Amino acid sequence: MSELLTLPDAIDAITSAFDEGDGWDRYAWVYIRGDITSPDCRLYLSHVADEDDALIDDNGEALPAAAARYRVHHFLEAADFVEVLFVQRRRKADSSTADFARALDHYRRHDAFLNPL
């Protein structure tokens, strides 16, 4: 992926990759600009190869060149991101984008899956 995505687009891209069986090989990290619960947030899905050519930003964070260009920061490893999506979908099959955003935000803050209501 070489562009910034909305949350729904990122969900589609990353779950498709994992459904096709090459998610582990395709994506390494999910980077973010903004707050995951905001409709204005944008995500960048880095390819595994992107991480090999990482640059060090002003804060000492290693970022792929595109992530540095987009001024995004680490959010979650791709495998964790997709696991949160799968757990949320298993708990609530008709999860909305807002449901996924809350589940991702909770996982990021607490390193735990969101408890079902």
N, C-alpha and C. Protein backbone atom coordinates (compact mmCIF):
# COMPACT_ATOMS: atom_id res chain seq x y z
N MET A 1 0.86 -1.16 0.00
CA MET A 1 0.00 0.00 0.00
C MET A 1 0.90 1.22 0.00
N SER A 2 0.63 2.16 -0.86
CA SER A 2 1.48 3.35 -0.89
C SER A 2 0.65 4.62 -0.71
N GLU A 3 -0.50 4.50 -0.14
CA GLU A 3 -1.35 5.67 0.05
C GLU A 3 -1.99 5.63 1.43
N LEU A 4 -2.50 6.77 1.83
CA LEU A 4 -3.23 6.84 3.09
C LEU A 4 -4.65 6.34 2.84
N LEU A 5 -5.17 5.61 3.81
CA LEU A 5 -6.49 5.00 3.68
C LEU A 5 -7.41 5.44 4.81
N THR A 6 -8.70 5.44 4.53
CA THR A 6 -9.68 5.61 5.60
C THR A 6 -9.73 4.29 6.37
N LEU A 7 -10.33 4.30 7.55
CA LEU A 7 -10.44 3.07 8.32
C LEU A 7 -11.19 1.97 7.55
N PRO A 8 -12.34 2.26 6.93
CA PRO A 8 -13.02 1.19 6.18
C PRO A 8 -12.15 0.61 5.05
N ASP A 9 -11.40 1.46 4.36
CA ASP A 9 -10.53 0.98 3.28
C ASP A 9 -9.39 0.13 3.84
N ALA A 10 -8.83 0.55 4.96
CA ALA A 10 -7.74 -0.21 5.59
C ALA A 10 -8.25 -1.57 6.07
N ILE A 11 -9.44 -1.59 6.66
CA ILE A 11 -10.04 -2.85 7.10
C ILE A 11 -10.20 -3.79 5.92
N ASP A 12 -10.73 -3.29 4.82
CA ASP A 12 -10.92 -4.13 3.63
C ASP A 12 -9.59 -4.65 3.09
N ALA A 13 -8.59 -3.79 3.00
CA ALA A 13 -7.30 -4.18 2.43
C ALA A 13 -6.60 -5.22 3.29
N ILE A 14 -6.56 -4.99 4.58
CA ILE A 14 -5.80 -5.89 5.44
C ILE A 14 -6.52 -7.22 5.67
N THR A 15 -7.85 -7.18 5.80
CA THR A 15 -8.56 -8.45 5.97
C THR A 15 -8.52 -9.26 4.68
N SER A 16 -8.57 -8.62 3.53
CA SER A 16 -8.45 -9.33 2.26
C SER A 16 -7.11 -10.04 2.15
N ALA A 17 -6.06 -9.35 2.55
CA ALA A 17 -4.71 -9.95 2.48
C ALA A 17 -4.63 -11.18 3.38
N PHE A 18 -5.15 -11.08 4.59
CA PHE A 18 -5.11 -12.21 5.50
C PHE A 18 -6.04 -13.32 5.04
N ASP A 19 -7.21 -12.96 4.47
CA ASP A 19 -8.12 -13.97 3.94
C ASP A 19 -7.49 -14.73 2.77
N GLU A 20 -6.66 -14.03 1.98
CA GLU A 20 -5.98 -14.64 0.84
C GLU A 20 -4.76 -15.45 1.28
N GLY A 21 -4.42 -15.38 2.57
CA GLY A 21 -3.33 -16.18 3.09
C GLY A 21 -1.96 -15.55 3.03
N ASP A 22 -1.88 -14.29 2.58
CA ASP A 22 -0.55 -13.69 2.54
C ASP A 22 -0.45 -12.41 3.37
N GLY A 23 -1.31 -12.27 4.34
CA GLY A 23 -1.25 -11.10 5.21
C GLY A 23 0.06 -11.00 5.96
N TRP A 24 0.58 -12.15 6.40
CA TRP A 24 1.85 -12.16 7.15
C TRP A 24 2.98 -11.65 6.28
N ASP A 25 2.92 -11.99 4.99
CA ASP A 25 3.99 -11.60 4.07
C ASP A 25 3.78 -10.22 3.47
N ARG A 26 2.54 -9.75 3.47
CA ARG A 26 2.25 -8.49 2.79
C ARG A 26 2.43 -7.27 3.70
N TYR A 27 1.89 -7.31 4.89
CA TYR A 27 1.91 -6.12 5.75
C TYR A 27 2.67 -6.36 7.05
N ALA A 28 3.36 -5.33 7.50
CA ALA A 28 4.13 -5.41 8.74
C ALA A 28 3.51 -4.55 9.83
N TRP A 29 3.26 -3.29 9.52
CA TRP A 29 2.75 -2.33 10.51
C TRP A 29 1.60 -1.54 9.94
N VAL A 30 0.74 -1.06 10.85
CA VAL A 30 -0.29 -0.09 10.52
C VAL A 30 0.13 1.21 11.19
N TYR A 31 0.24 2.26 10.40
CA TYR A 31 0.60 3.59 10.89
C TYR A 31 -0.65 4.46 10.84
N ILE A 32 -0.67 5.49 11.66
CA ILE A 32 -1.88 6.32 11.76
C ILE A 32 -1.55 7.80 11.81
N ARG A 33 -2.47 8.58 11.27
CA ARG A 33 -2.46 10.04 11.46
C ARG A 33 -3.84 10.38 12.00
N GLY A 34 -3.87 10.95 13.18
CA GLY A 34 -5.14 11.29 13.82
C GLY A 34 -5.52 10.25 14.85
N ASP A 35 -6.75 10.30 15.28
CA ASP A 35 -7.29 9.39 16.28
C ASP A 35 -8.13 8.33 15.59
N ILE A 36 -7.94 7.07 15.94
CA ILE A 36 -8.62 5.96 15.27
C ILE A 36 -10.15 6.09 15.35
N THR A 37 -10.67 6.75 16.37
CA THR A 37 -12.12 6.89 16.50
C THR A 37 -12.68 8.07 15.70
N SER A 38 -11.81 8.84 15.07
CA SER A 38 -12.25 9.98 14.26
C SER A 38 -12.41 9.56 12.80
N PRO A 39 -13.48 10.00 12.16
CA PRO A 39 -13.64 9.70 10.73
C PRO A 39 -12.53 10.31 9.88
N ASP A 40 -11.83 11.30 10.42
CA ASP A 40 -10.76 11.97 9.68
C ASP A 40 -9.42 11.24 9.77
N CYS A 41 -9.32 10.19 10.58
CA CYS A 41 -8.04 9.50 10.72
C CYS A 41 -7.67 8.85 9.39
N ARG A 42 -6.39 8.73 9.17
CA ARG A 42 -5.88 8.07 7.97
C ARG A 42 -4.84 7.05 8.40
N LEU A 43 -4.82 5.93 7.68
CA LEU A 43 -3.94 4.83 8.01
C LEU A 43 -3.04 4.52 6.82
N TYR A 44 -1.86 4.05 7.14
CA TYR A 44 -0.90 3.61 6.13
C TYR A 44 -0.51 2.19 6.48
N LEU A 45 -0.65 1.27 5.52
CA LEU A 45 -0.28 -0.13 5.72
C LEU A 45 1.08 -0.34 5.07
N SER A 46 2.07 -0.63 5.90
CA SER A 46 3.42 -0.80 5.35
C SER A 46 3.64 -2.25 4.94
N HIS A 47 4.28 -2.40 3.80
CA HIS A 47 4.69 -3.72 3.34
C HIS A 47 5.90 -4.15 4.15
N VAL A 48 6.10 -5.44 4.24
CA VAL A 48 7.23 -5.98 4.97
C VAL A 48 8.53 -5.37 4.42
N ALA A 49 8.66 -5.28 3.12
CA ALA A 49 9.88 -4.74 2.50
C ALA A 49 10.09 -3.27 2.84
N ASP A 50 9.00 -2.52 3.06
CA ASP A 50 9.11 -1.10 3.43
C ASP A 50 9.89 -0.93 4.72
N GLU A 51 9.71 -1.87 5.63
CA GLU A 51 10.34 -1.76 6.94
C GLU A 51 11.86 -1.94 6.86
N ASP A 52 12.32 -2.64 5.82
CA ASP A 52 13.76 -2.85 5.65
C ASP A 52 14.48 -1.55 5.32
N ASP A 53 13.77 -0.62 4.70
CA ASP A 53 14.37 0.66 4.28
C ASP A 53 13.91 1.80 5.17
N ALA A 54 13.69 1.52 6.43
CA ALA A 54 13.16 2.53 7.36
C ALA A 54 14.14 3.69 7.56
N LEU A 55 13.56 4.86 7.75
CA LEU A 55 14.30 6.07 8.08
C LEU A 55 14.07 6.37 9.57
N ILE A 56 14.97 7.07 10.18
CA ILE A 56 14.80 7.48 11.57
C ILE A 56 14.30 8.92 11.57
N ASP A 57 13.13 9.16 12.19
CA ASP A 57 12.57 10.50 12.22
C ASP A 57 13.19 11.32 13.35
N ASP A 58 12.71 12.56 13.51
CA ASP A 58 13.25 13.47 14.52
C ASP A 58 13.08 12.97 15.95
N ASN A 59 12.11 12.08 16.16
CA ASN A 59 11.86 11.54 17.50
C ASN A 59 12.56 10.19 17.72
N GLY A 60 13.37 9.78 16.75
CA GLY A 60 14.09 8.52 16.88
C GLY A 60 13.28 7.30 16.49
N GLU A 61 12.10 7.52 15.90
CA GLU A 61 11.23 6.42 15.49
C GLU A 61 11.60 5.97 14.08
N ALA A 62 11.76 4.67 13.88
CA ALA A 62 12.06 4.12 12.56
C ALA A 62 10.77 4.02 11.76
N LEU A 63 10.74 4.67 10.61
CA LEU A 63 9.55 4.69 9.75
C LEU A 63 9.95 4.40 8.31
N PRO A 64 9.10 3.69 7.57
CA PRO A 64 9.34 3.58 6.13
C PRO A 64 9.26 4.98 5.50
N ALA A 65 9.91 5.16 4.37
CA ALA A 65 9.94 6.47 3.73
C ALA A 65 8.54 7.05 3.51
N ALA A 66 7.61 6.23 3.03
CA ALA A 66 6.25 6.73 2.78
C ALA A 66 5.57 7.15 4.08
N ALA A 67 5.78 6.40 5.15
CA ALA A 67 5.18 6.77 6.44
C ALA A 67 5.75 8.09 6.93
N ALA A 68 7.04 8.28 6.75
CA ALA A 68 7.66 9.55 7.15
C ALA A 68 7.09 10.69 6.30
N ARG A 69 6.93 10.45 5.01
CA ARG A 69 6.39 11.47 4.11
C ARG A 69 4.96 11.86 4.50
N TYR A 70 4.16 10.87 4.91
CA TYR A 70 2.77 11.13 5.30
C TYR A 70 2.63 11.65 6.73
N ARG A 71 3.73 11.67 7.46
CA ARG A 71 3.74 12.13 8.86
C ARG A 71 2.77 11.33 9.73
N VAL A 72 2.89 10.02 9.62
CA VAL A 72 2.10 9.11 10.44
C VAL A 72 3.02 8.48 11.48
N HIS A 73 2.44 7.82 12.45
CA HIS A 73 3.23 7.14 13.47
C HIS A 73 2.71 5.73 13.69
N HIS A 74 3.53 4.90 14.34
CA HIS A 74 3.14 3.52 14.59
C HIS A 74 1.80 3.47 15.33
N PHE A 75 0.94 2.56 14.89
CA PHE A 75 -0.32 2.32 15.58
C PHE A 75 -0.30 0.90 16.15
N LEU A 76 -0.34 -0.10 15.28
CA LEU A 76 -0.29 -1.50 15.70
C LEU A 76 0.45 -2.32 14.65
N GLU A 77 1.00 -3.42 15.09
CA GLU A 77 1.52 -4.37 14.12
C GLU A 77 0.33 -4.89 13.31
N ALA A 78 0.56 -5.18 12.05
CA ALA A 78 -0.54 -5.60 11.17
C ALA A 78 -1.25 -6.84 11.70
N ALA A 79 -0.51 -7.80 12.24
CA ALA A 79 -1.13 -9.02 12.76
C ALA A 79 -2.04 -8.72 13.94
N ASP A 80 -1.64 -7.79 14.81
CA ASP A 80 -2.50 -7.40 15.94
C ASP A 80 -3.75 -6.68 15.45
N PHE A 81 -3.57 -5.79 14.48
CA PHE A 81 -4.68 -5.03 13.90
C PHE A 81 -5.75 -5.99 13.38
N VAL A 82 -5.32 -6.97 12.58
CA VAL A 82 -6.29 -7.89 11.98
C VAL A 82 -6.90 -8.81 13.04
N GLU A 83 -6.14 -9.18 14.05
CA GLU A 83 -6.69 -10.02 15.12
C GLU A 83 -7.80 -9.28 15.86
N VAL A 84 -7.61 -7.99 16.12
CA VAL A 84 -8.67 -7.20 16.76
C VAL A 84 -9.91 -7.19 15.88
N LEU A 85 -9.73 -7.03 14.58
CA LEU A 85 -10.88 -7.04 13.66
C LEU A 85 -11.61 -8.37 13.69
N PHE A 86 -10.85 -9.47 13.67
CA PHE A 86 -11.47 -10.80 13.67
C PHE A 86 -12.21 -11.06 14.98
N VAL A 87 -11.61 -10.68 16.10
CA VAL A 87 -12.28 -10.87 17.40
C VAL A 87 -13.55 -10.05 17.47
N GLN A 88 -13.49 -8.79 17.02
CA GLN A 88 -14.67 -7.93 17.03
C GLN A 88 -15.76 -8.51 16.14
N ARG A 89 -15.38 -8.97 14.96
CA ARG A 89 -16.37 -9.54 14.04
C ARG A 89 -16.98 -10.82 14.60
N ARG A 90 -16.17 -11.61 15.30
CA ARG A 90 -16.69 -12.84 15.91
C ARG A 90 -17.68 -12.51 17.02
N ARG A 91 -17.43 -11.45 17.76
CA ARG A 91 -18.32 -11.05 18.84
C ARG A 91 -19.59 -10.38 18.33
N LYS A 92 -19.44 -9.66 17.23
CA LYS A 92 -20.59 -8.93 16.67
C LYS A 92 -20.44 -8.95 15.15
N ALA A 93 -21.13 -9.88 14.52
CA ALA A 93 -20.97 -10.10 13.07
C ALA A 93 -21.29 -8.87 12.24
N ASP A 94 -22.21 -8.05 12.71
CA ASP A 94 -22.60 -6.86 11.94
C ASP A 94 -21.90 -5.61 12.47
N SER A 95 -20.66 -5.74 12.92
CA SER A 95 -19.90 -4.60 13.46
C SER A 95 -19.81 -3.46 12.44
N SER A 96 -20.00 -2.26 12.93
CA SER A 96 -19.87 -1.07 12.10
C SER A 96 -18.42 -0.58 12.16
N THR A 97 -18.11 0.39 11.33
CA THR A 97 -16.78 1.00 11.37
C THR A 97 -16.51 1.58 12.76
N ALA A 98 -17.53 2.19 13.36
CA ALA A 98 -17.37 2.75 14.72
C ALA A 98 -17.07 1.65 15.73
N ASP A 99 -17.69 0.48 15.59
CA ASP A 99 -17.41 -0.66 16.48
C ASP A 99 -15.94 -1.09 16.35
N PHE A 100 -15.47 -1.19 15.10
CA PHE A 100 -14.07 -1.58 14.89
C PHE A 100 -13.14 -0.51 15.45
N ALA A 101 -13.47 0.74 15.25
CA ALA A 101 -12.63 1.83 15.77
C ALA A 101 -12.53 1.75 17.28
N ARG A 102 -13.65 1.52 17.97
CA ARG A 102 -13.63 1.40 19.43
C ARG A 102 -12.79 0.20 19.87
N ALA A 103 -12.94 -0.92 19.18
CA ALA A 103 -12.17 -2.12 19.52
C ALA A 103 -10.67 -1.90 19.31
N LEU A 104 -10.30 -1.25 18.21
CA LEU A 104 -8.89 -0.96 17.94
C LEU A 104 -8.33 0.02 18.95
N ASP A 105 -9.11 1.04 19.28
CA ASP A 105 -8.68 2.03 20.27
C ASP A 105 -8.46 1.37 21.63
N HIS A 106 -9.40 0.51 22.02
CA HIS A 106 -9.29 -0.18 23.30
C HIS A 106 -8.03 -1.06 23.33
N TYR A 107 -7.80 -1.80 22.26
CA TYR A 107 -6.63 -2.68 22.20
C TYR A 107 -5.35 -1.86 22.29
N ARG A 108 -5.30 -0.76 21.57
CA ARG A 108 -4.10 0.10 21.57
C ARG A 108 -3.82 0.65 22.96
N ARG A 109 -4.86 1.04 23.66
CA ARG A 109 -4.69 1.64 24.99
C ARG A 109 -4.44 0.62 26.10
N HIS A 110 -5.04 -0.56 25.97
CA HIS A 110 -5.03 -1.52 27.08
C HIS A 110 -4.35 -2.86 26.76
N ASP A 111 -3.90 -3.03 25.53
CA ASP A 111 -3.29 -4.28 25.10
C ASP A 111 -4.19 -5.47 25.44
N ALA A 112 -5.48 -5.27 25.23
CA ALA A 112 -6.49 -6.29 25.50
C ALA A 112 -7.68 -6.06 24.58
N PHE A 113 -8.37 -7.16 24.30
CA PHE A 113 -9.56 -7.04 23.46
C PHE A 113 -10.69 -6.41 24.23
N LEU A 114 -11.55 -5.71 23.53
CA LEU A 114 -12.71 -5.05 24.10
C LEU A 114 -13.68 -6.12 24.61
N ASN A 115 -14.14 -5.97 25.82
CA ASN A 115 -15.11 -6.91 26.38
C ASN A 115 -16.45 -6.73 25.72
N PRO A 116 -17.15 -7.83 25.45
CA PRO A 116 -18.48 -7.71 24.84
C PRO A 116 -19.44 -7.03 25.81
N LEU A 117 -20.41 -6.35 25.23
CA LEU A 117 -21.40 -5.65 26.05
C LEU A 117 -22.47 -6.60 26.52
